Amino acid sequence: MQIMTGKKQQSEPRWRSTVPLYIHLGFELDALDDGRSQVRLGFQPHLGNSRGEVHGGTVAAIVDAAMSQAVRSLVDMEMGVATMTMNLSYLAPAKGEIICRGSVIKRGRSIMFTEAEVIGEDGETACRATASYRILPKTVYGRKS
């Protein structure tokens, strides 16, 4: 995996799942490989709070996207991934464009544990998070994607 420096890497990574919410919110996948990911979101006023910062719910969505994609990078494309638990600690306002780096910290056959960090345009760590994800056959969802 390329070093994640805040700039896009040379070759474009590919999302490991099609999630309409990611498109709707404008997430960009900067890096994805070997249990690690980086997702970027340019600031959009309609995703902000009353103070003009990135809304906490938007931050939670990018955190889930980054961690679940990190998990998906380690499983077969025929498998599904479901969020079981997610704990976020908001440390500072998320300002401007944000970057979220997610990584798998413990890999199991049916459950994986992850962590993530969100960095604001000002370089401040806005959020740290942990989550667990269950690995499921896609047929559990009643259809194949």
N, C-alpha and C. Protein backbone atom coordinates (compact mmCIF):
# COMPACT_ATOMS: atom_id res chain seq x y z
N MET A 1 0.85 -1.18 0.00
CA MET A 1 0.00 0.00 0.00
C MET A 1 0.89 1.23 0.00
N GLN A 2 0.50 2.21 -0.75
CA GLN A 2 1.22 3.47 -0.79
C GLN A 2 1.14 4.17 0.57
N ILE A 3 2.11 4.99 0.87
CA ILE A 3 2.06 5.79 2.09
C ILE A 3 0.92 6.79 1.96
N MET A 4 0.13 6.93 3.01
CA MET A 4 -1.02 7.82 2.98
C MET A 4 -0.60 9.17 3.55
N THR A 5 -0.32 10.12 2.68
CA THR A 5 0.22 11.41 3.10
C THR A 5 -0.79 12.54 3.05
N GLY A 6 -2.00 12.29 2.65
CA GLY A 6 -2.96 13.37 2.48
C GLY A 6 -3.17 13.68 1.01
N LYS A 7 -2.27 13.19 0.16
CA LYS A 7 -2.44 13.34 -1.28
C LYS A 7 -2.83 11.98 -1.85
N LYS A 8 -3.54 12.00 -2.96
CA LYS A 8 -3.95 10.74 -3.57
C LYS A 8 -2.73 9.96 -4.06
N GLN A 9 -2.79 8.65 -3.93
CA GLN A 9 -1.70 7.82 -4.43
C GLN A 9 -1.82 7.70 -5.94
N GLN A 10 -0.80 7.18 -6.60
CA GLN A 10 -0.72 7.13 -8.05
C GLN A 10 -1.84 6.29 -8.67
N SER A 11 -2.03 5.05 -8.23
CA SER A 11 -3.08 4.21 -8.78
C SER A 11 -4.33 4.35 -7.91
N GLU A 12 -5.47 4.43 -8.57
CA GLU A 12 -6.73 4.62 -7.86
C GLU A 12 -7.18 3.32 -7.19
N PRO A 13 -7.38 3.34 -5.88
CA PRO A 13 -7.92 2.15 -5.21
C PRO A 13 -9.40 1.99 -5.57
N ARG A 14 -9.94 0.80 -5.37
CA ARG A 14 -11.34 0.53 -5.68
C ARG A 14 -12.08 0.14 -4.42
N TRP A 15 -13.29 0.71 -4.27
CA TRP A 15 -14.16 0.34 -3.15
C TRP A 15 -14.44 -1.16 -3.23
N ARG A 16 -14.50 -1.82 -2.07
CA ARG A 16 -14.77 -3.26 -2.02
C ARG A 16 -16.26 -3.55 -1.85
N SER A 17 -17.08 -2.51 -1.84
CA SER A 17 -18.52 -2.68 -1.78
C SER A 17 -19.16 -1.44 -2.38
N THR A 18 -20.38 -1.60 -2.86
CA THR A 18 -21.13 -0.47 -3.41
C THR A 18 -22.11 0.00 -2.35
N VAL A 19 -21.86 1.16 -1.80
CA VAL A 19 -22.71 1.72 -0.75
C VAL A 19 -23.22 3.08 -1.23
N PRO A 20 -24.50 3.19 -1.56
CA PRO A 20 -25.03 4.46 -2.05
C PRO A 20 -24.75 5.64 -1.12
N LEU A 21 -24.71 5.43 0.18
CA LEU A 21 -24.44 6.52 1.11
C LEU A 21 -23.08 7.15 0.86
N TYR A 22 -22.06 6.33 0.53
CA TYR A 22 -20.72 6.86 0.27
C TYR A 22 -20.76 7.84 -0.90
N ILE A 23 -21.51 7.48 -1.94
CA ILE A 23 -21.64 8.35 -3.11
C ILE A 23 -22.40 9.62 -2.73
N HIS A 24 -23.50 9.45 -2.02
CA HIS A 24 -24.33 10.59 -1.61
C HIS A 24 -23.54 11.61 -0.78
N LEU A 25 -22.72 11.12 0.14
CA LEU A 25 -21.96 12.02 1.00
C LEU A 25 -20.71 12.57 0.31
N GLY A 26 -20.25 11.91 -0.75
CA GLY A 26 -19.07 12.38 -1.48
C GLY A 26 -17.75 11.82 -0.99
N PHE A 27 -17.77 10.64 -0.37
CA PHE A 27 -16.52 10.03 0.10
C PHE A 27 -15.63 9.68 -1.09
N GLU A 28 -14.33 9.87 -0.90
CA GLU A 28 -13.33 9.47 -1.89
C GLU A 28 -12.38 8.49 -1.22
N LEU A 29 -12.12 7.38 -1.89
CA LEU A 29 -11.21 6.36 -1.36
C LEU A 29 -9.80 6.69 -1.85
N ASP A 30 -8.92 7.05 -0.93
CA ASP A 30 -7.54 7.38 -1.28
C ASP A 30 -6.64 6.15 -1.28
N ALA A 31 -6.89 5.21 -0.36
CA ALA A 31 -6.02 4.04 -0.23
C ALA A 31 -6.80 2.89 0.39
N LEU A 32 -6.47 1.68 -0.06
CA LEU A 32 -7.09 0.48 0.50
C LEU A 32 -6.19 -0.71 0.22
N ASP A 33 -5.69 -1.34 1.28
CA ASP A 33 -4.82 -2.50 1.10
C ASP A 33 -4.48 -3.11 2.45
N ASP A 34 -4.48 -4.43 2.51
CA ASP A 34 -3.93 -5.17 3.63
C ASP A 34 -4.45 -4.70 5.00
N GLY A 35 -5.78 -4.52 5.11
CA GLY A 35 -6.36 -4.17 6.39
C GLY A 35 -6.26 -2.70 6.76
N ARG A 36 -5.93 -1.85 5.79
CA ARG A 36 -5.83 -0.41 6.05
C ARG A 36 -6.55 0.36 4.95
N SER A 37 -7.11 1.50 5.32
CA SER A 37 -7.79 2.34 4.33
C SER A 37 -7.61 3.81 4.67
N GLN A 38 -7.88 4.63 3.67
CA GLN A 38 -7.95 6.07 3.89
C GLN A 38 -9.09 6.60 3.04
N VAL A 39 -10.03 7.28 3.70
CA VAL A 39 -11.20 7.87 3.04
C VAL A 39 -11.17 9.37 3.29
N ARG A 40 -11.49 10.13 2.25
CA ARG A 40 -11.44 11.59 2.31
C ARG A 40 -12.84 12.15 2.03
N LEU A 41 -13.13 13.28 2.67
CA LEU A 41 -14.38 13.99 2.41
C LEU A 41 -14.10 15.48 2.38
N GLY A 42 -14.36 16.09 1.22
CA GLY A 42 -14.26 17.54 1.11
C GLY A 42 -15.42 18.18 1.85
N PHE A 43 -15.18 19.29 2.49
CA PHE A 43 -16.25 19.94 3.27
C PHE A 43 -17.37 20.40 2.35
N GLN A 44 -18.60 20.13 2.78
CA GLN A 44 -19.80 20.59 2.10
C GLN A 44 -20.72 21.17 3.17
N PRO A 45 -21.18 22.39 3.01
CA PRO A 45 -21.99 23.03 4.06
C PRO A 45 -23.18 22.19 4.52
N HIS A 46 -23.81 21.45 3.61
CA HIS A 46 -24.98 20.67 4.02
C HIS A 46 -24.62 19.46 4.88
N LEU A 47 -23.33 19.17 5.05
CA LEU A 47 -22.88 18.09 5.93
C LEU A 47 -22.31 18.65 7.24
N GLY A 48 -22.54 19.93 7.47
CA GLY A 48 -21.99 20.59 8.64
C GLY A 48 -22.99 20.73 9.77
N ASN A 49 -22.49 21.28 10.86
CA ASN A 49 -23.34 21.57 12.02
C ASN A 49 -23.64 23.07 12.06
N SER A 50 -24.26 23.53 13.12
CA SER A 50 -24.65 24.95 13.23
C SER A 50 -23.44 25.88 13.36
N ARG A 51 -22.26 25.35 13.68
CA ARG A 51 -21.05 26.16 13.81
C ARG A 51 -20.21 26.16 12.53
N GLY A 52 -20.66 25.42 11.50
CA GLY A 52 -19.91 25.37 10.25
C GLY A 52 -18.80 24.33 10.24
N GLU A 53 -18.81 23.44 11.21
CA GLU A 53 -17.85 22.33 11.25
C GLU A 53 -18.52 21.09 10.67
N VAL A 54 -17.75 20.04 10.42
CA VAL A 54 -18.33 18.80 9.93
C VAL A 54 -19.18 18.19 11.05
N HIS A 55 -20.42 17.87 10.74
CA HIS A 55 -21.36 17.32 11.72
C HIS A 55 -20.84 15.98 12.26
N GLY A 56 -21.07 15.73 13.55
CA GLY A 56 -20.63 14.48 14.18
C GLY A 56 -21.20 13.24 13.51
N GLY A 57 -22.41 13.32 12.98
CA GLY A 57 -22.99 12.18 12.27
C GLY A 57 -22.27 11.89 10.97
N THR A 58 -21.81 12.95 10.31
CA THR A 58 -21.01 12.79 9.09
C THR A 58 -19.67 12.15 9.43
N VAL A 59 -19.08 12.59 10.53
CA VAL A 59 -17.82 12.00 11.00
C VAL A 59 -18.03 10.51 11.28
N ALA A 60 -19.12 10.16 11.95
CA ALA A 60 -19.40 8.75 12.24
C ALA A 60 -19.54 7.93 10.96
N ALA A 61 -20.15 8.52 9.95
CA ALA A 61 -20.33 7.79 8.68
C ALA A 61 -19.00 7.52 8.00
N ILE A 62 -18.09 8.50 7.99
CA ILE A 62 -16.80 8.27 7.33
C ILE A 62 -15.94 7.29 8.13
N VAL A 63 -16.08 7.32 9.45
CA VAL A 63 -15.36 6.37 10.31
C VAL A 63 -15.81 4.94 9.99
N ASP A 64 -17.12 4.73 9.90
CA ASP A 64 -17.64 3.40 9.59
C ASP A 64 -17.19 2.96 8.20
N ALA A 65 -17.20 3.89 7.24
CA ALA A 65 -16.76 3.56 5.88
C ALA A 65 -15.30 3.13 5.87
N ALA A 66 -14.44 3.88 6.53
CA ALA A 66 -13.00 3.57 6.53
C ALA A 66 -12.71 2.24 7.21
N MET A 67 -13.34 2.01 8.37
CA MET A 67 -13.07 0.76 9.08
C MET A 67 -13.66 -0.44 8.34
N SER A 68 -14.86 -0.32 7.80
CA SER A 68 -15.46 -1.46 7.11
C SER A 68 -14.71 -1.78 5.82
N GLN A 69 -14.21 -0.76 5.13
CA GLN A 69 -13.42 -1.03 3.93
C GLN A 69 -12.09 -1.69 4.29
N ALA A 70 -11.49 -1.30 5.41
CA ALA A 70 -10.27 -1.96 5.86
C ALA A 70 -10.53 -3.45 6.08
N VAL A 71 -11.67 -3.77 6.70
CA VAL A 71 -12.06 -5.17 6.90
C VAL A 71 -12.26 -5.85 5.55
N ARG A 72 -13.00 -5.20 4.66
CA ARG A 72 -13.30 -5.79 3.35
C ARG A 72 -12.03 -6.07 2.55
N SER A 73 -10.97 -5.33 2.80
CA SER A 73 -9.72 -5.58 2.07
C SER A 73 -9.10 -6.92 2.44
N LEU A 74 -9.57 -7.52 3.53
CA LEU A 74 -9.01 -8.79 4.00
C LEU A 74 -9.92 -9.99 3.75
N VAL A 75 -11.12 -9.76 3.22
CA VAL A 75 -12.05 -10.87 3.01
C VAL A 75 -12.39 -11.02 1.53
N ASP A 76 -12.84 -12.19 1.17
CA ASP A 76 -13.26 -12.48 -0.19
C ASP A 76 -14.41 -11.55 -0.58
N MET A 77 -14.45 -11.15 -1.83
CA MET A 77 -15.49 -10.25 -2.32
C MET A 77 -16.88 -10.86 -2.19
N GLU A 78 -16.98 -12.18 -2.04
CA GLU A 78 -18.28 -12.84 -1.89
C GLU A 78 -18.81 -12.79 -0.46
N MET A 79 -18.06 -12.18 0.43
CA MET A 79 -18.48 -12.09 1.83
C MET A 79 -19.06 -10.72 2.12
N GLY A 80 -19.96 -10.67 3.09
CA GLY A 80 -20.53 -9.42 3.56
C GLY A 80 -19.88 -9.00 4.86
N VAL A 81 -20.02 -7.73 5.20
CA VAL A 81 -19.45 -7.17 6.42
C VAL A 81 -20.55 -6.37 7.11
N ALA A 82 -20.77 -6.64 8.40
CA ALA A 82 -21.80 -5.93 9.16
C ALA A 82 -21.19 -5.33 10.42
N THR A 83 -21.46 -4.06 10.65
CA THR A 83 -20.99 -3.39 11.87
C THR A 83 -21.71 -3.97 13.08
N MET A 84 -20.94 -4.40 14.08
CA MET A 84 -21.52 -4.93 15.31
C MET A 84 -21.53 -3.86 16.40
N THR A 85 -20.37 -3.26 16.63
CA THR A 85 -20.24 -2.20 17.64
C THR A 85 -19.38 -1.09 17.05
N MET A 86 -19.62 0.13 17.50
CA MET A 86 -18.77 1.24 17.09
C MET A 86 -18.76 2.26 18.22
N ASN A 87 -17.56 2.66 18.63
CA ASN A 87 -17.39 3.62 19.71
C ASN A 87 -16.55 4.77 19.19
N LEU A 88 -17.09 5.98 19.26
CA LEU A 88 -16.38 7.16 18.78
C LEU A 88 -16.08 8.10 19.93
N SER A 89 -14.89 8.67 19.91
CA SER A 89 -14.52 9.72 20.86
C SER A 89 -14.21 10.96 20.04
N TYR A 90 -15.06 11.98 20.19
CA TYR A 90 -14.85 13.25 19.49
C TYR A 90 -13.89 14.08 20.33
N LEU A 91 -12.75 14.42 19.74
CA LEU A 91 -11.67 15.08 20.48
C LEU A 91 -11.56 16.57 20.19
N ALA A 92 -11.98 16.96 18.99
CA ALA A 92 -11.91 18.37 18.56
C ALA A 92 -12.89 18.55 17.41
N PRO A 93 -13.25 19.78 17.10
CA PRO A 93 -14.13 19.98 15.94
C PRO A 93 -13.46 19.48 14.66
N ALA A 94 -14.23 18.84 13.80
CA ALA A 94 -13.74 18.40 12.50
C ALA A 94 -13.94 19.56 11.54
N LYS A 95 -12.84 20.14 11.07
CA LYS A 95 -12.92 21.36 10.26
C LYS A 95 -12.46 21.10 8.83
N GLY A 96 -13.23 21.63 7.88
CA GLY A 96 -12.84 21.56 6.47
C GLY A 96 -12.82 20.16 5.93
N GLU A 97 -11.92 19.93 4.98
CA GLU A 97 -11.77 18.58 4.43
C GLU A 97 -11.25 17.65 5.52
N ILE A 98 -11.84 16.47 5.62
CA ILE A 98 -11.39 15.51 6.64
C ILE A 98 -10.87 14.25 5.96
N ILE A 99 -9.93 13.61 6.64
CA ILE A 99 -9.36 12.34 6.20
C ILE A 99 -9.54 11.36 7.34
N CYS A 100 -10.00 10.17 7.00
CA CYS A 100 -10.14 9.12 8.00
C CYS A 100 -9.29 7.93 7.59
N ARG A 101 -8.44 7.50 8.50
CA ARG A 101 -7.60 6.31 8.29
C ARG A 101 -8.13 5.20 9.19
N GLY A 102 -8.47 4.09 8.56
CA GLY A 102 -8.98 2.93 9.29
C GLY A 102 -8.03 1.77 9.18
N SER A 103 -7.98 0.93 10.22
CA SER A 103 -7.13 -0.26 10.16
C SER A 103 -7.71 -1.38 11.01
N VAL A 104 -7.45 -2.60 10.54
CA VAL A 104 -7.83 -3.79 11.29
C VAL A 104 -6.74 -4.03 12.31
N ILE A 105 -7.13 -4.18 13.59
CA ILE A 105 -6.14 -4.40 14.63
C ILE A 105 -6.14 -5.84 15.15
N LYS A 106 -7.23 -6.57 14.88
CA LYS A 106 -7.31 -7.98 15.27
C LYS A 106 -8.20 -8.68 14.26
N ARG A 107 -7.64 -9.69 13.62
CA ARG A 107 -8.35 -10.40 12.56
C ARG A 107 -8.77 -11.78 13.06
N GLY A 108 -10.08 -12.03 12.98
CA GLY A 108 -10.61 -13.35 13.29
C GLY A 108 -11.31 -13.92 12.07
N ARG A 109 -11.79 -15.15 12.16
CA ARG A 109 -12.48 -15.76 11.01
C ARG A 109 -13.87 -15.16 10.80
N SER A 110 -14.55 -14.82 11.90
CA SER A 110 -15.91 -14.30 11.76
C SER A 110 -16.09 -12.89 12.32
N ILE A 111 -15.13 -12.40 13.08
CA ILE A 111 -15.21 -11.04 13.65
C ILE A 111 -13.83 -10.38 13.51
N MET A 112 -13.85 -9.10 13.14
CA MET A 112 -12.61 -8.33 13.07
C MET A 112 -12.78 -7.06 13.90
N PHE A 113 -11.70 -6.65 14.53
CA PHE A 113 -11.68 -5.45 15.36
C PHE A 113 -10.85 -4.38 14.66
N THR A 114 -11.34 -3.15 14.70
CA THR A 114 -10.73 -2.07 13.94
C THR A 114 -10.57 -0.82 14.78
N GLU A 115 -9.78 0.11 14.24
CA GLU A 115 -9.66 1.44 14.83
C GLU A 115 -9.55 2.45 13.70
N ALA A 116 -9.85 3.70 14.02
CA ALA A 116 -9.77 4.76 13.01
C ALA A 116 -9.45 6.09 13.67
N GLU A 117 -8.93 6.98 12.85
CA GLU A 117 -8.62 8.35 13.28
C GLU A 117 -9.09 9.30 12.19
N VAL A 118 -9.74 10.38 12.60
CA VAL A 118 -10.18 11.42 11.67
C VAL A 118 -9.33 12.66 11.92
N ILE A 119 -8.75 13.18 10.84
CA ILE A 119 -7.92 14.37 10.90
C ILE A 119 -8.61 15.48 10.11
N GLY A 120 -8.74 16.65 10.71
CA GLY A 120 -9.34 17.79 10.04
C GLY A 120 -8.33 18.52 9.18
N GLU A 121 -8.83 19.45 8.39
CA GLU A 121 -7.98 20.25 7.50
C GLU A 121 -6.92 21.02 8.28
N ASP A 122 -7.21 21.31 9.55
CA ASP A 122 -6.27 22.05 10.39
C ASP A 122 -5.18 21.15 10.99
N GLY A 123 -5.22 19.85 10.65
CA GLY A 123 -4.22 18.91 11.16
C GLY A 123 -4.54 18.32 12.52
N GLU A 124 -5.63 18.75 13.13
CA GLU A 124 -6.04 18.27 14.45
C GLU A 124 -6.74 16.91 14.33
N THR A 125 -6.49 16.04 15.31
CA THR A 125 -7.25 14.80 15.40
C THR A 125 -8.63 15.15 15.94
N ALA A 126 -9.64 14.96 15.11
CA ALA A 126 -11.01 15.30 15.48
C ALA A 126 -11.73 14.15 16.16
N CYS A 127 -11.36 12.92 15.82
CA CYS A 127 -12.07 11.76 16.34
C CYS A 127 -11.18 10.53 16.31
N ARG A 128 -11.34 9.69 17.32
CA ARG A 128 -10.73 8.35 17.34
C ARG A 128 -11.87 7.38 17.57
N ALA A 129 -11.77 6.21 16.95
CA ALA A 129 -12.87 5.26 17.05
C ALA A 129 -12.37 3.83 17.03
N THR A 130 -13.20 2.95 17.56
CA THR A 130 -12.98 1.51 17.46
C THR A 130 -14.30 0.87 17.06
N ALA A 131 -14.22 -0.29 16.44
CA ALA A 131 -15.44 -1.00 16.04
C ALA A 131 -15.14 -2.47 15.86
N SER A 132 -16.20 -3.26 15.89
CA SER A 132 -16.08 -4.68 15.55
C SER A 132 -17.04 -4.96 14.40
N TYR A 133 -16.63 -5.85 13.51
CA TYR A 133 -17.40 -6.19 12.32
C TYR A 133 -17.54 -7.69 12.21
N ARG A 134 -18.73 -8.14 11.87
CA ARG A 134 -18.99 -9.56 11.63
C ARG A 134 -18.84 -9.81 10.14
N ILE A 135 -18.21 -10.93 9.81
CA ILE A 135 -18.05 -11.37 8.43
C ILE A 135 -19.16 -12.38 8.15
N LEU A 136 -19.93 -12.13 7.08
CA LEU A 136 -21.09 -12.95 6.75
C LEU A 136 -21.10 -13.30 5.28
N PRO A 137 -21.70 -14.45 4.93
CA PRO A 137 -21.90 -14.71 3.50
C PRO A 137 -22.90 -13.69 2.96
N LYS A 138 -22.68 -13.19 1.75
CA LYS A 138 -23.59 -12.17 1.19
C LYS A 138 -25.01 -12.69 1.06
N THR A 139 -25.18 -14.00 0.96
CA THR A 139 -26.53 -14.56 0.82
C THR A 139 -27.38 -14.30 2.05
N VAL A 140 -26.77 -13.97 3.18
CA VAL A 140 -27.50 -13.64 4.40
C VAL A 140 -28.43 -12.44 4.14
N TYR A 141 -28.00 -11.55 3.26
CA TYR A 141 -28.77 -10.34 2.97
C TYR A 141 -29.90 -10.59 1.99
N GLY A 142 -30.06 -11.82 1.52
CA GLY A 142 -31.18 -12.16 0.65
C GLY A 142 -30.93 -11.92 -0.82
N ARG A 143 -29.75 -11.43 -1.17
CA ARG A 143 -29.42 -11.22 -2.59
C ARG A 143 -27.91 -11.16 -2.72
N LYS A 144 -27.44 -11.41 -3.90
CA LYS A 144 -26.02 -11.26 -4.18
C LYS A 144 -25.80 -9.91 -4.81
N SER A 145 -24.74 -9.20 -4.42
CA SER A 145 -24.46 -7.87 -4.99
C SER A 145 -23.48 -7.99 -6.12
